[in-house]
């Protein structure tokens, strides 16, 4: 597969997710954001299997983040997934650019998949938990989502951090779960930052 074809198959799910989630509306913005998170998995796997160079992946993520930031600045948010005064999707894109450019491929892939899959899993679990009870779901944290986050991140570590011990995989997953759960820094920043800092434990 040439690079242009790989980039096409990487971008298609992301753009499709943004287009399709428009029809669920801004009431489901929190879920729509997580669906878009999931949509970067094909791009991440194409990067992992060396079909997309890190320079192209990082540049694309940087441009995507910049475009979303521009929409916030201009007050022209795509309201079915962008939330006023919440820059999570911008942080996600910029973090992805940094993670891929500066970290080894195996580790960058694991961290990206946690950002995409585990964050998506926990967000959807929490969304349905609070919706079922009639609460406003925005920015709420709950242990039920963190359980989903932990087990999904442990599964990712099992498949993509094959060179490290089970103890390190378990500890890595626990630490990232707490990094996501804390309420002081957006998890799209805290998870990659902590993920970079704890790389040495592996």
C-alpha atoms as a PDB file:
ATOM      1  CA  UNK A   1       0.000   0.000   0.000  1.00  0.00           C
ATOM      2  CA  UNK A   2       1.435   3.377  -0.965  1.00  0.00           C
ATOM      3  CA  UNK A   3       1.361   6.321   1.425  1.00  0.00           C
ATOM      4  CA  UNK A   4      -1.437   8.179  -0.380  1.00  0.00           C
ATOM      5  CA  UNK A   5      -3.724   5.142  -0.182  1.00  0.00           C
ATOM      6  CA  UNK A   6      -2.878   4.626   3.484  1.00  0.00           C
ATOM      7  CA  UNK A   7      -3.643   8.264   4.291  1.00  0.00           C
ATOM      8  CA  UNK A   8      -6.974   7.945   2.454  1.00  0.00           C
ATOM      9  CA  UNK A   9      -7.992   4.893   4.478  1.00  0.00           C
ATOM     10  CA  UNK A  10      -6.818   6.631   7.672  1.00  0.00           C
ATOM     11  CA  UNK A  11      -8.772   9.827   7.022  1.00  0.00           C
ATOM     12  CA  UNK A  12     -11.962   8.224   5.688  1.00  0.00           C
ATOM     13  CA  UNK A  13     -13.226   6.808   9.031  1.00  0.00           C
ATOM     14  CA  UNK A  14     -12.515  10.086  10.832  1.00  0.00           C
ATOM     15  CA  UNK A  15     -14.292  12.251   8.278  1.00  0.00           C
ATOM     16  CA  UNK A  16     -17.137   9.731   8.039  1.00  0.00           C
ATOM     17  CA  UNK A  17     -17.571   9.737  11.828  1.00  0.00           C
ATOM     18  CA  UNK A  18     -17.732  13.538  11.888  1.00  0.00           C
ATOM     19  CA  UNK A  19     -20.300  13.536   9.061  1.00  0.00           C
ATOM     20  CA  UNK A  20     -22.482  10.711  10.416  1.00  0.00           C
ATOM     21  CA  UNK A  21     -22.594  11.943  14.015  1.00  0.00           C
ATOM     22  CA  UNK A  22     -24.057  15.207  12.758  1.00  0.00           C
ATOM     23  CA  UNK A  23     -27.382  13.384  12.451  1.00  0.00           C
ATOM     24  CA  UNK A  24     -27.530  12.412  16.118  1.00  0.00           C
ATOM     25  CA  UNK A  25     -27.412  16.098  17.050  1.00  0.00           C
ATOM     26  CA  UNK A  26     -25.788  18.126  19.793  1.00  0.00           C
ATOM     27  CA  UNK A  27     -27.835  16.396  22.505  1.00  0.00           C
ATOM     28  CA  UNK A  28     -25.452  13.478  22.007  1.00  0.00           C
ATOM     29  CA  UNK A  29     -22.327  15.614  21.642  1.00  0.00           C
ATOM     30  CA  UNK A  30     -20.588  13.697  24.426  1.00  0.00           C
ATOM     31  CA  UNK A  31     -21.159  10.356  22.698  1.00  0.00           C
ATOM     32  CA  UNK A  32     -20.363  11.805  19.279  1.00  0.00           C
ATOM     33  CA  UNK A  33     -16.966  12.931  20.557  1.00  0.00           C
ATOM     34  CA  UNK A  34     -16.205   9.390  21.675  1.00  0.00           C
ATOM     35  CA  UNK A  35     -17.297   7.922  18.347  1.00  0.00           C
ATOM     36  CA  UNK A  36     -14.868  10.301  16.641  1.00  0.00           C
ATOM     37  CA  UNK A  37     -12.196   9.162  19.098  1.00  0.00           C
ATOM     38  CA  UNK A  38     -12.834   5.559  18.036  1.00  0.00           C
ATOM     39  CA  UNK A  39     -12.512   6.567  14.394  1.00  0.00           C
ATOM     40  CA  UNK A  40      -8.762   7.229  14.681  1.00  0.00           C
ATOM     41  CA  UNK A  41      -8.086   3.550  15.387  1.00  0.00           C
ATOM     42  CA  UNK A  42      -7.572   2.649  11.686  1.00  0.00           C
ATOM     43  CA  UNK A  43      -5.117   5.546  11.299  1.00  0.00           C
ATOM     44  CA  UNK A  44      -3.272   4.417  14.415  1.00  0.00           C
ATOM     45  CA  UNK A  45      -3.010   0.843  13.166  1.00  0.00           C
ATOM     46  CA  UNK A  46      -1.793   1.997   9.747  1.00  0.00           C
ATOM     47  CA  UNK A  47       0.886   3.982  11.568  1.00  0.00           C
ATOM     48  CA  UNK A  48       1.755   0.958  13.715  1.00  0.00           C
ATOM     49  CA  UNK A  49       2.188  -1.255  10.657  1.00  0.00           C
ATOM     50  CA  UNK A  50       4.416   1.425   9.102  1.00  0.00           C
ATOM     51  CA  UNK A  51       2.037   2.343   6.303  1.00  0.00           C
ATOM     52  CA  UNK A  52       1.966   5.987   7.397  1.00  0.00           C
ATOM     53  CA  UNK A  53       5.210   7.762   8.398  1.00  0.00           C
ATOM     54  CA  UNK A  54       5.167   9.490  11.758  1.00  0.00           C
ATOM     55  CA  UNK A  55       5.835  12.861  10.108  1.00  0.00           C
ATOM     56  CA  UNK A  56       2.669  12.632   8.028  1.00  0.00           C
ATOM     57  CA  UNK A  57       0.569  11.332  10.916  1.00  0.00           C
ATOM     58  CA  UNK A  58       1.793  14.088  13.238  1.00  0.00           C
ATOM     59  CA  UNK A  59       1.299  16.821  10.655  1.00  0.00           C
ATOM     60  CA  UNK A  60      -2.230  15.640   9.893  1.00  0.00           C
ATOM     61  CA  UNK A  61      -3.116  15.557  13.608  1.00  0.00           C
ATOM     62  CA  UNK A  62      -1.626  19.019  14.089  1.00  0.00           C
ATOM     63  CA  UNK A  63      -3.620  20.447  11.169  1.00  0.00           C
ATOM     64  CA  UNK A  64      -6.810  18.774  12.372  1.00  0.00           C
ATOM     65  CA  UNK A  65      -6.324  20.199  15.856  1.00  0.00           C
ATOM     66  CA  UNK A  66      -5.618  23.656  14.442  1.00  0.00           C
ATOM     67  CA  UNK A  67      -8.793  23.558  12.336  1.00  0.00           C
ATOM     68  CA  UNK A  68     -10.881  22.645  15.374  1.00  0.00           C
ATOM     69  CA  UNK A  69      -9.225  25.353  17.455  1.00  0.00           C
ATOM     70  CA  UNK A  70     -10.017  27.871  14.723  1.00  0.00           C
ATOM     71  CA  UNK A  71     -13.703  26.911  14.908  1.00  0.00           C
ATOM     72  CA  UNK A  72     -13.674  27.559  18.658  1.00  0.00           C
ATOM     73  CA  UNK A  73     -11.971  30.921  18.255  1.00  0.00           C
ATOM     74  CA  UNK A  74     -14.477  31.965  15.581  1.00  0.00           C
ATOM     75  CA  UNK A  75     -17.417  30.670  17.648  1.00  0.00           C
ATOM     76  CA  UNK A  76     -18.328  28.419  14.749  1.00  0.00           C
ATOM     77  CA  UNK A  77     -18.185  25.096  16.601  1.00  0.00           C
ATOM     78  CA  UNK A  78     -19.599  21.978  14.993  1.00  0.00           C
ATOM     79  CA  UNK A  79     -22.045  21.645  17.849  1.00  0.00           C
ATOM     80  CA  UNK A  80     -22.846  17.991  17.396  1.00  0.00           C
ATOM     81  CA  UNK A  81     -19.424  17.174  18.833  1.00  0.00           C
ATOM     82  CA  UNK A  82     -17.683  20.431  19.766  1.00  0.00           C
ATOM     83  CA  UNK A  83     -18.710  21.904  23.113  1.00  0.00           C
ATOM     84  CA  UNK A  84     -18.409  25.599  23.887  1.00  0.00           C
ATOM     85  CA  UNK A  85     -15.413  26.351  26.123  1.00  0.00           C
ATOM     86  CA  UNK A  86     -14.324  22.724  26.077  1.00  0.00           C
ATOM     87  CA  UNK A  87     -11.213  22.131  23.987  1.00  0.00           C
ATOM     88  CA  UNK A  88     -10.898  18.405  24.544  1.00  0.00           C
ATOM     89  CA  UNK A  89     -10.944  17.467  20.866  1.00  0.00           C
ATOM     90  CA  UNK A  90      -8.259  20.099  20.174  1.00  0.00           C
ATOM     91  CA  UNK A  91      -6.061  18.744  22.969  1.00  0.00           C
ATOM     92  CA  UNK A  92      -6.640  15.222  21.671  1.00  0.00           C
ATOM     93  CA  UNK A  93      -5.373  16.081  18.188  1.00  0.00           C
ATOM     94  CA  UNK A  94      -2.353  18.052  19.405  1.00  0.00           C
ATOM     95  CA  UNK A  95      -1.469  15.312  21.901  1.00  0.00           C
ATOM     96  CA  UNK A  96      -1.678  12.680  19.165  1.00  0.00           C
ATOM     97  CA  UNK A  97       0.735  14.718  17.050  1.00  0.00           C
ATOM     98  CA  UNK A  98       3.274  14.934  19.887  1.00  0.00           C
ATOM     99  CA  UNK A  99       2.933  11.294  20.976  1.00  0.00           C
ATOM    100  CA  UNK A 100       3.530   9.915  17.490  1.00  0.00           C
ATOM    101  CA  UNK A 101       6.378  12.271  16.626  1.00  0.00           C
ATOM    102  CA  UNK A 102       8.437  11.860  19.794  1.00  0.00           C
ATOM    103  CA  UNK A 103       7.744   8.372  21.147  1.00  0.00           C
ATOM    104  CA  UNK A 104       8.801   4.931  19.869  1.00  0.00           C
ATOM    105  CA  UNK A 105       6.197   3.389  17.555  1.00  0.00           C
ATOM    106  CA  UNK A 106       5.113   0.533  19.844  1.00  0.00           C
ATOM    107  CA  UNK A 107       4.621   2.789  22.847  1.00  0.00           C
ATOM    108  CA  UNK A 108       3.050   5.620  20.850  1.00  0.00           C
ATOM    109  CA  UNK A 109       0.530   3.163  19.386  1.00  0.00           C
ATOM    110  CA  UNK A 110      -0.475   1.834  22.803  1.00  0.00           C
ATOM    111  CA  UNK A 111      -0.885   5.341  24.197  1.00  0.00           C
ATOM    112  CA  UNK A 112      -2.871   6.515  21.170  1.00  0.00           C
ATOM    113  CA  UNK A 113      -5.208   3.535  21.382  1.00  0.00           C
ATOM    114  CA  UNK A 114      -5.824   4.204  25.062  1.00  0.00           C
ATOM    115  CA  UNK A 115      -6.613   7.829  24.217  1.00  0.00           C
ATOM    116  CA  UNK A 116      -9.015   6.682  21.500  1.00  0.00           C
ATOM    117  CA  UNK A 117     -10.549   3.416  22.707  1.00  0.00           C
ATOM    118  CA  UNK A 118     -10.347   3.567  26.502  1.00  0.00           C
ATOM    119  CA  UNK A 119     -11.454   7.187  26.584  1.00  0.00           C
ATOM    120  CA  UNK A 120     -14.323   6.311  24.244  1.00  0.00           C
ATOM    121  CA  UNK A 121     -15.376   3.329  26.350  1.00  0.00           C
ATOM    122  CA  UNK A 122     -15.375   5.252  29.619  1.00  0.00           C
ATOM    123  CA  UNK A 123     -17.198   8.227  28.089  1.00  0.00           C
ATOM    124  CA  UNK A 124     -20.002   6.119  26.658  1.00  0.00           C
ATOM    125  CA  UNK A 125     -20.414   4.123  29.889  1.00  0.00           C
ATOM    126  CA  UNK A 126     -20.652   7.322  31.923  1.00  0.00           C
ATOM    127  CA  UNK A 127     -22.979   8.955  29.414  1.00  0.00           C
ATOM    128  CA  UNK A 128     -25.500   6.127  29.663  1.00  0.00           C
ATOM    129  CA  UNK A 129     -25.110   5.857  33.438  1.00  0.00           C
ATOM    130  CA  UNK A 130     -25.981   9.503  34.027  1.00  0.00           C
ATOM    131  CA  UNK A 131     -28.592   9.755  31.269  1.00  0.00           C
ATOM    132  CA  UNK A 132     -30.435   6.797  32.756  1.00  0.00           C
ATOM    133  CA  UNK A 133     -30.635   8.665  36.061  1.00  0.00           C
ATOM    134  CA  UNK A 134     -31.667  11.960  34.483  1.00  0.00           C
ATOM    135  CA  UNK A 135     -28.439  13.862  35.208  1.00  0.00           C
ATOM    136  CA  UNK A 136     -26.509  16.266  33.030  1.00  0.00           C
ATOM    137  CA  UNK A 137     -23.660  14.150  31.680  1.00  0.00           C
ATOM    138  CA  UNK A 138     -21.256  16.931  30.694  1.00  0.00           C
ATOM    139  CA  UNK A 139     -17.861  16.593  32.372  1.00  0.00           C
ATOM    140  CA  UNK A 140     -19.094  14.089  34.947  1.00  0.00           C
ATOM    141  CA  UNK A 141     -16.804  11.314  36.140  1.00  0.00           C
ATOM    142  CA  UNK A 142     -17.888   8.013  37.657  1.00  0.00           C
ATOM    143  CA  UNK A 143     -16.167   4.830  38.778  1.00  0.00           C
ATOM    144  CA  UNK A 144     -18.180   2.712  36.305  1.00  0.00           C
ATOM    145  CA  UNK A 145     -16.474   4.407  33.380  1.00  0.00           C
ATOM    146  CA  UNK A 146     -13.084   4.052  35.029  1.00  0.00           C
ATOM    147  CA  UNK A 147     -13.558   0.287  35.290  1.00  0.00           C
ATOM    148  CA  UNK A 148     -14.129   0.183  31.528  1.00  0.00           C
ATOM    149  CA  UNK A 149     -11.107   2.415  31.033  1.00  0.00           C
ATOM    150  CA  UNK A 150      -8.833   0.194  33.097  1.00  0.00           C
ATOM    151  CA  UNK A 151      -9.766  -3.106  31.450  1.00  0.00           C
ATOM    152  CA  UNK A 152      -9.640  -1.714  27.927  1.00  0.00           C
ATOM    153  CA  UNK A 153      -6.233  -0.111  28.542  1.00  0.00           C
ATOM    154  CA  UNK A 154      -4.939  -3.372  30.054  1.00  0.00           C
ATOM    155  CA  UNK A 155      -6.094  -5.224  26.937  1.00  0.00           C
ATOM    156  CA  UNK A 156      -4.307  -2.681  24.730  1.00  0.00           C
ATOM    157  CA  UNK A 157      -1.145  -3.076  26.814  1.00  0.00           C
ATOM    158  CA  UNK A 158      -1.387  -6.852  26.414  1.00  0.00           C
ATOM    159  CA  UNK A 159      -1.396  -6.642  22.617  1.00  0.00           C
ATOM    160  CA  UNK A 160       0.891  -3.675  21.985  1.00  0.00           C
ATOM    161  CA  UNK A 161       3.361  -3.616  24.878  1.00  0.00           C
ATOM    162  CA  UNK A 162       4.495  -7.184  24.442  1.00  0.00           C
ATOM    163  CA  UNK A 163       8.041  -6.587  25.611  1.00  0.00           C
ATOM    164  CA  UNK A 164       7.091  -5.571  29.161  1.00  0.00           C
ATOM    165  CA  UNK A 165       6.013  -7.588  32.196  1.00  0.00           C
ATOM    166  CA  UNK A 166       2.429  -8.146  33.291  1.00  0.00           C
ATOM    167  CA  UNK A 167       3.174  -6.149  36.435  1.00  0.00           C
ATOM    168  CA  UNK A 168       4.246  -3.144  34.347  1.00  0.00           C
ATOM    169  CA  UNK A 169       1.190  -3.455  32.092  1.00  0.00           C
ATOM    170  CA  UNK A 170      -1.099  -3.546  35.112  1.00  0.00           C
ATOM    171  CA  UNK A 171       0.627  -0.587  36.765  1.00  0.00           C
ATOM    172  CA  UNK A 172       0.598   1.380  33.485  1.00  0.00           C
ATOM    173  CA  UNK A 173      -3.135   0.816  33.077  1.00  0.00           C
ATOM    174  CA  UNK A 174      -3.900   1.780  36.681  1.00  0.00           C
ATOM    175  CA  UNK A 175      -1.899   5.001  36.466  1.00  0.00           C
ATOM    176  CA  UNK A 176      -3.508   6.031  33.176  1.00  0.00           C
ATOM    177  CA  UNK A 177      -6.951   5.287  34.612  1.00  0.00           C
ATOM    178  CA  UNK A 178      -6.307   7.704  37.476  1.00  0.00           C
ATOM    179  CA  UNK A 179      -4.848  10.240  35.025  1.00  0.00           C
ATOM    180  CA  UNK A 180      -8.139  10.110  33.121  1.00  0.00           C
ATOM    181  CA  UNK A 181     -10.322  10.182  36.236  1.00  0.00           C
ATOM    182  CA  UNK A 182      -8.780  13.261  37.890  1.00  0.00           C
ATOM    183  CA  UNK A 183     -10.753  16.479  37.440  1.00  0.00           C
ATOM    184  CA  UNK A 184      -8.030  19.126  37.373  1.00  0.00           C
ATOM    185  CA  UNK A 185      -6.616  18.757  33.834  1.00  0.00           C
ATOM    186  CA  UNK A 186      -8.451  17.719  30.671  1.00  0.00           C
ATOM    187  CA  UNK A 187      -7.837  13.991  30.227  1.00  0.00           C
ATOM    188  CA  UNK A 188      -6.802  14.560  26.609  1.00  0.00           C
ATOM    189  CA  UNK A 189      -3.769  16.299  28.100  1.00  0.00           C
ATOM    190  CA  UNK A 190      -3.293  14.431  31.372  1.00  0.00           C
ATOM    191  CA  UNK A 191      -3.252  10.928  29.858  1.00  0.00           C
ATOM    192  CA  UNK A 192      -0.591  11.597  27.193  1.00  0.00           C
ATOM    193  CA  UNK A 193       1.503  13.704  29.600  1.00  0.00           C
ATOM    194  CA  UNK A 194       1.421  11.036  32.314  1.00  0.00           C
ATOM    195  CA  UNK A 195       1.884   8.345  29.676  1.00  0.00           C
ATOM    196  CA  UNK A 196       5.086  10.025  28.527  1.00  0.00           C
ATOM    197  CA  UNK A 197       6.349  10.526  32.088  1.00  0.00           C
ATOM    198  CA  UNK A 198       5.776   6.912  33.174  1.00  0.00           C
ATOM    199  CA  UNK A 199       7.346   5.350  30.112  1.00  0.00           C
ATOM    200  CA  UNK A 200      10.431   4.652  32.200  1.00  0.00           C
ATOM    201  CA  UNK A 201       8.513   2.166  34.397  1.00  0.00           C
ATOM    202  CA  UNK A 202       8.314  -0.158  31.419  1.00  0.00           C
END
